[in-house]
């Protein structure tokens, strides 16, 4: 199994670095700041770990937290993402 260290911890401030309108009922979160609520991991058949991050986004009143693949998020003090992202990316293109 690879990549067993969680990329985020509860309480981390994060920024959305991916376009989300297609997967979150037309709600675009790109650029928005939020707080990590919890992080969970799943392992696929090849042994790769896939992180899911539940985020409470600033300014959005919702009864449920939004879940994101870790690749859609960056720590808030990294405005372009930890992977050098510079703009919104289609979630469908990363699946």
PDB file of N, CA and C in Angstrom:
ATOM      1  N   UNK A   1       0.847  -1.178   0.000  1.00  0.00           N
ATOM      2  CA  UNK A   1       0.000   0.000   0.000  1.00  0.00           C
ATOM      3  C   UNK A   1       0.891   1.240   0.000  1.00  0.00           C
ATOM      4  N   UNK A   2       0.568   2.210  -0.847  1.00  0.00           N
ATOM      5  CA  UNK A   2       1.339   3.437  -0.949  1.00  0.00           C
ATOM      6  C   UNK A   2       0.565   4.615  -0.366  1.00  0.00           C
ATOM      7  N   UNK A   3       1.287   5.702  -0.098  1.00  0.00           N
ATOM      8  CA  UNK A   3       0.662   6.966   0.278  1.00  0.00           C
ATOM      9  C   UNK A   3      -0.264   6.827   1.484  1.00  0.00           C
ATOM     10  N   UNK A   4       0.273   6.365   2.599  1.00  0.00           N
ATOM     11  CA  UNK A   4      -0.565   6.128   3.773  1.00  0.00           C
ATOM     12  C   UNK A   4      -0.649   7.328   4.719  1.00  0.00           C
ATOM     13  N   UNK A   5       0.056   8.412   4.425  1.00  0.00           N
ATOM     14  CA  UNK A   5      -0.029   9.609   5.260  1.00  0.00           C
ATOM     15  C   UNK A   5      -1.155  10.499   4.765  1.00  0.00           C
ATOM     16  N   UNK A   6      -2.062  10.835   5.652  1.00  0.00           N
ATOM     17  CA  UNK A   6      -3.191  11.690   5.290  1.00  0.00           C
ATOM     18  C   UNK A   6      -2.696  13.058   4.824  1.00  0.00           C
ATOM     19  N   UNK A   7      -3.216  13.556   3.691  1.00  0.00           N
ATOM     20  CA  UNK A   7      -2.779  14.861   3.202  1.00  0.00           C
ATOM     21  C   UNK A   7      -3.338  16.026   4.012  1.00  0.00           C
ATOM     22  N   UNK A   8      -4.397  15.791   4.778  1.00  0.00           N
ATOM     23  CA  UNK A   8      -5.038  16.837   5.570  1.00  0.00           C
ATOM     24  C   UNK A   8      -5.448  16.273   6.921  1.00  0.00           C
ATOM     25  N   UNK A   9      -5.615  17.160   7.878  1.00  0.00           N
ATOM     26  CA  UNK A   9      -6.048  16.792   9.233  1.00  0.00           C
ATOM     27  C   UNK A   9      -7.296  17.607   9.591  1.00  0.00           C
ATOM     28  N   UNK A  10      -8.165  17.063  10.448  1.00  0.00           N
ATOM     29  CA  UNK A  10      -9.310  17.859  10.905  1.00  0.00           C
ATOM     30  C   UNK A  10      -8.821  19.190  11.475  1.00  0.00           C
ATOM     31  N   UNK A  11      -9.515  20.256  11.091  1.00  0.00           N
ATOM     32  CA  UNK A  11      -9.143  21.595  11.530  1.00  0.00           C
ATOM     33  C   UNK A  11      -8.278  22.348  10.539  1.00  0.00           C
ATOM     34  N   UNK A  12      -7.651  21.631   9.562  1.00  0.00           N
ATOM     35  CA  UNK A  12      -6.852  22.327   8.540  1.00  0.00           C
ATOM     36  C   UNK A  12      -7.741  23.269   7.742  1.00  0.00           C
ATOM     37  N   UNK A  13      -7.187  24.438   7.430  1.00  0.00           N
ATOM     38  CA  UNK A  13      -7.861  25.368   6.527  1.00  0.00           C
ATOM     39  C   UNK A  13      -7.434  25.010   5.116  1.00  0.00           C
ATOM     40  N   UNK A  14      -8.403  24.838   4.211  1.00  0.00           N
ATOM     41  CA  UNK A  14      -8.114  24.431   2.843  1.00  0.00           C
ATOM     42  C   UNK A  14      -8.801  25.346   1.846  1.00  0.00           C
ATOM     43  N   UNK A  15      -8.296  25.291   0.615  1.00  0.00           N
ATOM     44  CA  UNK A  15      -8.867  26.021  -0.508  1.00  0.00           C
ATOM     45  C   UNK A  15      -9.199  24.996  -1.580  1.00  0.00           C
ATOM     46  N   UNK A  16     -10.345  25.138  -2.229  1.00  0.00           N
ATOM     47  CA  UNK A  16     -10.711  24.257  -3.322  1.00  0.00           C
ATOM     48  C   UNK A  16      -9.923  24.672  -4.560  1.00  0.00           C
ATOM     49  N   UNK A  17      -9.250  23.709  -5.210  1.00  0.00           N
ATOM     50  CA  UNK A  17      -8.438  24.014  -6.385  1.00  0.00           C
ATOM     51  C   UNK A  17      -8.966  23.299  -7.629  1.00  0.00           C
ATOM     52  N   UNK A  18     -10.215  22.856  -7.591  1.00  0.00           N
ATOM     53  CA  UNK A  18     -10.810  22.161  -8.742  1.00  0.00           C
ATOM     54  C   UNK A  18     -12.215  22.692  -8.999  1.00  0.00           C
ATOM     55  N   UNK A  19     -12.629  22.626 -10.242  1.00  0.00           N
ATOM     56  CA  UNK A  19     -14.006  22.981 -10.589  1.00  0.00           C
ATOM     57  C   UNK A  19     -14.931  21.918 -10.001  1.00  0.00           C
ATOM     58  N   UNK A  20     -16.024  22.343  -9.373  1.00  0.00           N
ATOM     59  CA  UNK A  20     -16.901  21.386  -8.698  1.00  0.00           C
ATOM     60  C   UNK A  20     -18.353  21.424  -9.164  1.00  0.00           C
ATOM     61  N   UNK A  21     -18.709  22.365 -10.012  1.00  0.00           N
ATOM     62  CA  UNK A  21     -20.118  22.544 -10.382  1.00  0.00           C
ATOM     63  C   UNK A  21     -20.743  21.271 -10.959  1.00  0.00           C
ATOM     64  N   UNK A  22     -19.986  20.498 -11.704  1.00  0.00           N
ATOM     65  CA  UNK A  22     -20.525  19.286 -12.336  1.00  0.00           C
ATOM     66  C   UNK A  22     -20.819  18.182 -11.322  1.00  0.00           C
ATOM     67  N   UNK A  23     -20.142  18.186 -10.184  1.00  0.00           N
ATOM     68  CA  UNK A  23     -20.315  17.093  -9.219  1.00  0.00           C
ATOM     69  C   UNK A  23     -20.993  17.504  -7.919  1.00  0.00           C
ATOM     70  N   UNK A  24     -21.234  18.774  -7.726  1.00  0.00           N
ATOM     71  CA  UNK A  24     -21.849  19.249  -6.477  1.00  0.00           C
ATOM     72  C   UNK A  24     -23.110  20.064  -6.769  1.00  0.00           C
ATOM     73  N   UNK A  25     -24.006  19.499  -7.576  1.00  0.00           N
ATOM     74  CA  UNK A  25     -25.295  20.133  -7.875  1.00  0.00           C
ATOM     75  C   UNK A  25     -25.165  21.592  -8.312  1.00  0.00           C
ATOM     76  N   UNK A  26     -24.266  21.848  -9.249  1.00  0.00           N
ATOM     77  CA  UNK A  26     -24.027  23.168  -9.840  1.00  0.00           C
ATOM     78  C   UNK A  26     -23.401  24.172  -8.880  1.00  0.00           C
ATOM     79  N   UNK A  27     -22.953  23.729  -7.715  1.00  0.00           N
ATOM     80  CA  UNK A  27     -22.308  24.631  -6.762  1.00  0.00           C
ATOM     81  C   UNK A  27     -20.812  24.675  -7.058  1.00  0.00           C
ATOM     82  N   UNK A  28     -20.330  25.830  -7.490  1.00  0.00           N
ATOM     83  CA  UNK A  28     -18.905  25.989  -7.789  1.00  0.00           C
ATOM     84  C   UNK A  28     -18.163  26.408  -6.531  1.00  0.00           C
ATOM     85  N   UNK A  29     -17.204  25.596  -6.124  1.00  0.00           N
ATOM     86  CA  UNK A  29     -16.435  25.859  -4.912  1.00  0.00           C
ATOM     87  C   UNK A  29     -15.008  26.306  -5.197  1.00  0.00           C
ATOM     88  N   UNK A  30     -14.612  26.338  -6.469  1.00  0.00           N
ATOM     89  CA  UNK A  30     -13.237  26.700  -6.816  1.00  0.00           C
ATOM     90  C   UNK A  30     -12.846  28.019  -6.152  1.00  0.00           C
ATOM     91  N   UNK A  31     -11.718  28.013  -5.432  1.00  0.00           N
ATOM     92  CA  UNK A  31     -11.200  29.209  -4.780  1.00  0.00           C
ATOM     93  C   UNK A  31     -11.734  29.451  -3.381  1.00  0.00           C
ATOM     94  N   UNK A  32     -12.792  28.752  -3.001  1.00  0.00           N
ATOM     95  CA  UNK A  32     -13.415  28.969  -1.691  1.00  0.00           C
ATOM     96  C   UNK A  32     -12.551  28.357  -0.584  1.00  0.00           C
ATOM     97  N   UNK A  33     -12.584  28.985   0.596  1.00  0.00           N
ATOM     98  CA  UNK A  33     -11.886  28.487   1.776  1.00  0.00           C
ATOM     99  C   UNK A  33     -12.847  27.715   2.665  1.00  0.00           C
ATOM    100  N   UNK A  34     -12.306  26.721   3.364  1.00  0.00           N
ATOM    101  CA  UNK A  34     -13.107  25.944   4.287  1.00  0.00           C
ATOM    102  C   UNK A  34     -12.235  25.264   5.326  1.00  0.00           C
ATOM    103  N   UNK A  35     -12.888  24.510   6.209  1.00  0.00           N
ATOM    104  CA  UNK A  35     -12.200  23.804   7.278  1.00  0.00           C
ATOM    105  C   UNK A  35     -12.459  22.309   7.151  1.00  0.00           C
ATOM    106  N   UNK A  36     -11.383  21.519   7.225  1.00  0.00           N
ATOM    107  CA  UNK A  36     -11.512  20.062   7.146  1.00  0.00           C
ATOM    108  C   UNK A  36     -12.242  19.571   8.386  1.00  0.00           C
ATOM    109  N   UNK A  37     -13.285  18.775   8.163  1.00  0.00           N
ATOM    110  CA  UNK A  37     -14.042  18.173   9.259  1.00  0.00           C
ATOM    111  C   UNK A  37     -13.480  16.796   9.585  1.00  0.00           C
ATOM    112  N   UNK A  38     -13.370  15.939   8.580  1.00  0.00           N
ATOM    113  CA  UNK A  38     -12.720  14.639   8.766  1.00  0.00           C
ATOM    114  C   UNK A  38     -12.163  14.118   7.447  1.00  0.00           C
ATOM    115  N   UNK A  39     -11.271  13.141   7.555  1.00  0.00           N
ATOM    116  CA  UNK A  39     -10.594  12.556   6.403  1.00  0.00           C
ATOM    117  C   UNK A  39     -10.731  11.039   6.507  1.00  0.00           C
ATOM    118  N   UNK A  40     -11.037  10.401   5.382  1.00  0.00           N
ATOM    119  CA  UNK A  40     -11.109   8.941   5.369  1.00  0.00           C
ATOM    120  C   UNK A  40     -10.343   8.417   4.163  1.00  0.00           C
ATOM    121  N   UNK A  41      -9.938   7.169   4.238  1.00  0.00           N
ATOM    122  CA  UNK A  41      -9.150   6.570   3.160  1.00  0.00           C
ATOM    123  C   UNK A  41      -9.781   5.264   2.713  1.00  0.00           C
ATOM    124  N   UNK A  42      -9.618   4.992   1.433  1.00  0.00           N
ATOM    125  CA  UNK A  42     -10.016   3.716   0.872  1.00  0.00           C
ATOM    126  C   UNK A  42      -8.866   3.205   0.022  1.00  0.00           C
ATOM    127  N   UNK A  43      -8.746   1.892  -0.098  1.00  0.00           N
ATOM    128  CA  UNK A  43      -7.678   1.290  -0.871  1.00  0.00           C
ATOM    129  C   UNK A  43      -8.291   0.560  -2.052  1.00  0.00           C
ATOM    130  N   UNK A  44      -7.767   0.843  -3.255  1.00  0.00           N
ATOM    131  CA  UNK A  44      -8.304   0.171  -4.443  1.00  0.00           C
ATOM    132  C   UNK A  44      -7.618  -1.189  -4.638  1.00  0.00           C
ATOM    133  N   UNK A  45      -7.980  -1.891  -5.696  1.00  0.00           N
ATOM    134  CA  UNK A  45      -7.463  -3.233  -5.959  1.00  0.00           C
ATOM    135  C   UNK A  45      -5.948  -3.260  -6.185  1.00  0.00           C
ATOM    136  N   UNK A  46      -5.377  -2.131  -6.575  1.00  0.00           N
ATOM    137  CA  UNK A  46      -3.936  -2.076  -6.832  1.00  0.00           C
ATOM    138  C   UNK A  46      -3.142  -1.676  -5.590  1.00  0.00           C
ATOM    139  N   UNK A  47      -3.837  -1.383  -4.491  1.00  0.00           N
ATOM    140  CA  UNK A  47      -3.169  -0.987  -3.260  1.00  0.00           C
ATOM    141  C   UNK A  47      -2.990   0.509  -3.102  1.00  0.00           C
ATOM    142  N   UNK A  48      -3.507   1.301  -4.057  1.00  0.00           N
ATOM    143  CA  UNK A  48      -3.404   2.752  -3.939  1.00  0.00           C
ATOM    144  C   UNK A  48      -4.438   3.289  -2.956  1.00  0.00           C
ATOM    145  N   UNK A  49      -4.021   4.229  -2.131  1.00  0.00           N
ATOM    146  CA  UNK A  49      -4.911   4.864  -1.164  1.00  0.00           C
ATOM    147  C   UNK A  49      -5.577   6.065  -1.821  1.00  0.00           C
ATOM    148  N   UNK A  50      -6.887   6.165  -1.661  1.00  0.00           N
ATOM    149  CA  UNK A  50      -7.651   7.304  -2.175  1.00  0.00           C
ATOM    150  C   UNK A  50      -8.276   8.012  -0.982  1.00  0.00           C
ATOM    151  N   UNK A  51      -7.887   9.254  -0.767  1.00  0.00           N
ATOM    152  CA  UNK A  51      -8.360  10.030   0.379  1.00  0.00           C
ATOM    153  C   UNK A  51      -9.636  10.779   0.033  1.00  0.00           C
ATOM    154  N   UNK A  52     -10.596  10.767   0.939  1.00  0.00           N
ATOM    155  CA  UNK A  52     -11.813  11.566   0.839  1.00  0.00           C
ATOM    156  C   UNK A  52     -11.815  12.534   2.009  1.00  0.00           C
ATOM    157  N   UNK A  53     -12.078  13.789   1.715  1.00  0.00           N
ATOM    158  CA  UNK A  53     -11.997  14.849   2.721  1.00  0.00           C
ATOM    159  C   UNK A  53     -13.356  15.526   2.829  1.00  0.00           C
ATOM    160  N   UNK A  54     -13.901  15.577   4.039  1.00  0.00           N
ATOM    161  CA  UNK A  54     -15.160  16.281   4.282  1.00  0.00           C
ATOM    162  C   UNK A  54     -14.824  17.690   4.751  1.00  0.00           C
ATOM    163  N   UNK A  55     -15.390  18.692   4.038  1.00  0.00           N
ATOM    164  CA  UNK A  55     -15.045  20.086   4.295  1.00  0.00           C
ATOM    165  C   UNK A  55     -16.306  20.890   4.603  1.00  0.00           C
ATOM    166  N   UNK A  56     -16.193  21.746   5.601  1.00  0.00           N
ATOM    167  CA  UNK A  56     -17.218  22.721   5.934  1.00  0.00           C
ATOM    168  C   UNK A  56     -16.769  24.030   5.291  1.00  0.00           C
ATOM    169  N   UNK A  57     -17.409  24.398   4.155  1.00  0.00           N
ATOM    170  CA  UNK A  57     -16.987  25.574   3.385  1.00  0.00           C
ATOM    171  C   UNK A  57     -17.519  26.859   3.993  1.00  0.00           C
ATOM    172  N   UNK A  58     -16.653  27.869   4.083  1.00  0.00           N
ATOM    173  CA  UNK A  58     -17.030  29.184   4.610  1.00  0.00           C
ATOM    174  C   UNK A  58     -18.171  29.774   3.785  1.00  0.00           C
ATOM    175  N   UNK A  59     -19.167  30.328   4.455  1.00  0.00           N
ATOM    176  CA  UNK A  59     -20.235  31.048   3.781  1.00  0.00           C
ATOM    177  C   UNK A  59     -21.303  30.185   3.148  1.00  0.00           C
ATOM    178  N   UNK A  60     -21.225  28.878   3.313  1.00  0.00           N
ATOM    179  CA  UNK A  60     -22.244  27.992   2.749  1.00  0.00           C
ATOM    180  C   UNK A  60     -22.994  27.339   3.896  1.00  0.00           C
ATOM    181  N   UNK A  61     -24.275  27.615   3.967  1.00  0.00           N
ATOM    182  CA  UNK A  61     -25.108  27.016   4.996  1.00  0.00           C
ATOM    183  C   UNK A  61     -25.673  25.732   4.411  1.00  0.00           C
ATOM    184  N   UNK A  62     -25.265  24.625   4.977  1.00  0.00           N
ATOM    185  CA  UNK A  62     -25.714  23.325   4.469  1.00  0.00           C
ATOM    186  C   UNK A  62     -25.892  22.360   5.635  1.00  0.00           C
ATOM    187  N   UNK A  63     -26.779  21.414   5.465  1.00  0.00           N
ATOM    188  CA  UNK A  63     -26.990  20.401   6.496  1.00  0.00           C
ATOM    189  C   UNK A  63     -25.983  19.272   6.382  1.00  0.00           C
ATOM    190  N   UNK A  64     -25.243  19.202   5.282  1.00  0.00           N
ATOM    191  CA  UNK A  64     -24.267  18.141   5.081  1.00  0.00           C
ATOM    192  C   UNK A  64     -22.915  18.738   4.710  1.00  0.00           C
ATOM    193  N   UNK A  65     -21.872  18.030   5.068  1.00  0.00           N
ATOM    194  CA  UNK A  65     -20.530  18.435   4.666  1.00  0.00           C
ATOM    195  C   UNK A  65     -20.306  18.021   3.216  1.00  0.00           C
ATOM    196  N   UNK A  66     -19.429  18.708   2.520  1.00  0.00           N
ATOM    197  CA  UNK A  66     -19.079  18.361   1.150  1.00  0.00           C
ATOM    198  C   UNK A  66     -17.878  17.425   1.176  1.00  0.00           C
ATOM    199  N   UNK A  67     -17.960  16.326   0.421  1.00  0.00           N
ATOM    200  CA  UNK A  67     -16.851  15.378   0.337  1.00  0.00           C
ATOM    201  C   UNK A  67     -16.073  15.627  -0.947  1.00  0.00           C
ATOM    202  N   UNK A  68     -14.746  15.565  -0.840  1.00  0.00           N
ATOM    203  CA  UNK A  68     -13.866  15.838  -1.970  1.00  0.00           C
ATOM    204  C   UNK A  68     -12.730  14.831  -2.008  1.00  0.00           C
ATOM    205  N   UNK A  69     -12.299  14.420  -3.218  1.00  0.00           N
ATOM    206  CA  UNK A  69     -11.016  13.726  -3.303  1.00  0.00           C
ATOM    207  C   UNK A  69      -9.935  14.710  -2.863  1.00  0.00           C
ATOM    208  N   UNK A  70      -8.895  14.229  -2.228  1.00  0.00           N
ATOM    209  CA  UNK A  70      -7.844  15.110  -1.718  1.00  0.00           C
ATOM    210  C   UNK A  70      -7.225  15.971  -2.813  1.00  0.00           C
ATOM    211  N   UNK A  71      -7.189  15.480  -4.047  1.00  0.00           N
ATOM    212  CA  UNK A  71      -6.577  16.233  -5.144  1.00  0.00           C
ATOM    213  C   UNK A  71      -7.332  17.518  -5.475  1.00  0.00           C
ATOM    214  N   UNK A  72      -8.562  17.671  -4.992  1.00  0.00           N
ATOM    215  CA  UNK A  72      -9.336  18.882  -5.243  1.00  0.00           C
ATOM    216  C   UNK A  72      -9.011  19.990  -4.255  1.00  0.00           C
ATOM    217  N   UNK A  73      -8.158  19.716  -3.264  1.00  0.00           N
ATOM    218  CA  UNK A  73      -7.926  20.665  -2.178  1.00  0.00           C
ATOM    219  C   UNK A  73      -6.449  20.969  -2.005  1.00  0.00           C
ATOM    220  N   UNK A  74      -6.165  22.143  -1.463  1.00  0.00           N
ATOM    221  CA  UNK A  74      -4.813  22.536  -1.067  1.00  0.00           C
ATOM    222  C   UNK A  74      -4.919  23.251   0.266  1.00  0.00           C
ATOM    223  N   UNK A  75      -3.853  23.207   1.048  1.00  0.00           N
ATOM    224  CA  UNK A  75      -3.854  23.986   2.276  1.00  0.00           C
ATOM    225  C   UNK A  75      -4.069  25.451   1.922  1.00  0.00           C
ATOM    226  N   UNK A  76      -4.779  26.166   2.761  1.00  0.00           N
ATOM    227  CA  UNK A  76      -5.171  27.543   2.462  1.00  0.00           C
ATOM    228  C   UNK A  76      -3.978  28.461   2.231  1.00  0.00           C
ATOM    229  N   UNK A  77      -2.835  28.171   2.834  1.00  0.00           N
ATOM    230  CA  UNK A  77      -1.665  29.024   2.630  1.00  0.00           C
ATOM    231  C   UNK A  77      -0.896  28.657   1.360  1.00  0.00           C
ATOM    232  N   UNK A  78      -1.438  27.722   0.560  1.00  0.00           N
ATOM    233  CA  UNK A  78      -0.867  27.347  -0.734  1.00  0.00           C
ATOM    234  C   UNK A  78      -1.906  27.673  -1.805  1.00  0.00           C
ATOM    235  N   UNK A  79      -2.040  28.947  -2.196  1.00  0.00           N
ATOM    236  CA  UNK A  79      -3.152  29.373  -3.057  1.00  0.00           C
ATOM    237  C   UNK A  79      -3.226  28.676  -4.407  1.00  0.00           C
ATOM    238  N   UNK A  80      -2.114  28.138  -4.896  1.00  0.00           N
ATOM    239  CA  UNK A  80      -2.154  27.458  -6.190  1.00  0.00           C
ATOM    240  C   UNK A  80      -2.101  25.958  -6.037  1.00  0.00           C
ATOM    241  N   UNK A  81      -2.261  25.445  -4.849  1.00  0.00           N
ATOM    242  CA  UNK A  81      -2.261  24.014  -4.630  1.00  0.00           C
ATOM    243  C   UNK A  81      -0.854  23.473  -4.473  1.00  0.00           C
ATOM    244  N   UNK A  82      -0.768  22.362  -3.817  1.00  0.00           N
ATOM    245  CA  UNK A  82       0.535  21.767  -3.566  1.00  0.00           C
ATOM    246  C   UNK A  82       1.115  21.124  -4.813  1.00  0.00           C
ATOM    247  N   UNK A  83       0.343  21.031  -5.886  1.00  0.00           N
ATOM    248  CA  UNK A  83       0.824  20.414  -7.118  1.00  0.00           C
ATOM    249  C   UNK A  83       1.018  21.444  -8.212  1.00  0.00           C
ATOM    250  N   UNK A  84       1.042  22.747  -7.868  1.00  0.00           N
ATOM    251  CA  UNK A  84       1.278  23.787  -8.843  1.00  0.00           C
ATOM    252  C   UNK A  84       0.059  24.124  -9.681  1.00  0.00           C
ATOM    253  N   UNK A  85      -1.126  23.758  -9.227  1.00  0.00           N
ATOM    254  CA  UNK A  85      -2.332  24.073  -9.984  1.00  0.00           C
ATOM    255  C   UNK A  85      -2.523  25.577 -10.059  1.00  0.00           C
ATOM    256  N   UNK A  86      -2.954  26.049 -11.214  1.00  0.00           N
ATOM    257  CA  UNK A  86      -3.132  27.484 -11.389  1.00  0.00           C
ATOM    258  C   UNK A  86      -4.552  27.880 -11.746  1.00  0.00           C
ATOM    259  N   UNK A  87      -5.435  26.941 -11.885  1.00  0.00           N
ATOM    260  CA  UNK A  87      -6.812  27.285 -12.244  1.00  0.00           C
ATOM    261  C   UNK A  87      -7.720  26.093 -12.068  1.00  0.00           C
ATOM    262  N   UNK A  88      -9.015  26.294 -12.319  1.00  0.00           N
ATOM    263  CA  UNK A  88      -9.953  25.196 -12.128  1.00  0.00           C
ATOM    264  C   UNK A  88      -9.701  24.074 -13.130  1.00  0.00           C
ATOM    265  N   UNK A  89      -9.885  22.864 -12.656  1.00  0.00           N
ATOM    266  CA  UNK A  89      -9.713  21.689 -13.502  1.00  0.00           C
ATOM    267  C   UNK A  89     -10.976  20.863 -13.430  1.00  0.00           C
ATOM    268  N   UNK A  90     -11.335  20.256 -14.508  1.00  0.00           N
ATOM    269  CA  UNK A  90     -12.512  19.408 -14.525  1.00  0.00           C
ATOM    270  C   UNK A  90     -12.272  18.182 -13.661  1.00  0.00           C
ATOM    271  N   UNK A  91     -13.195  17.911 -12.767  1.00  0.00           N
ATOM    272  CA  UNK A  91     -13.092  16.725 -11.934  1.00  0.00           C
ATOM    273  C   UNK A  91     -13.176  15.475 -12.811  1.00  0.00           C
ATOM    274  N   UNK A  92     -14.004  15.521 -13.847  1.00  0.00           N
ATOM    275  CA  UNK A  92     -14.145  14.362 -14.720  1.00  0.00           C
ATOM    276  C   UNK A  92     -12.830  13.989 -15.371  1.00  0.00           C
ATOM    277  N   UNK A  93     -11.976  14.961 -15.636  1.00  0.00           N
ATOM    278  CA  UNK A  93     -10.717  14.659 -16.318  1.00  0.00           C
ATOM    279  C   UNK A  93      -9.703  14.014 -15.402  1.00  0.00           C
ATOM    280  N   UNK A  94      -9.920  14.059 -14.074  1.00  0.00           N
ATOM    281  CA  UNK A  94      -8.968  13.464 -13.142  1.00  0.00           C
ATOM    282  C   UNK A  94      -9.427  12.120 -12.632  1.00  0.00           C
ATOM    283  N   UNK A  95     -10.624  11.704 -13.004  1.00  0.00           N
ATOM    284  CA  UNK A  95     -11.145  10.429 -12.481  1.00  0.00           C
ATOM    285  C   UNK A  95     -10.557   9.251 -13.214  1.00  0.00           C
TER     286      UNK A  95
END
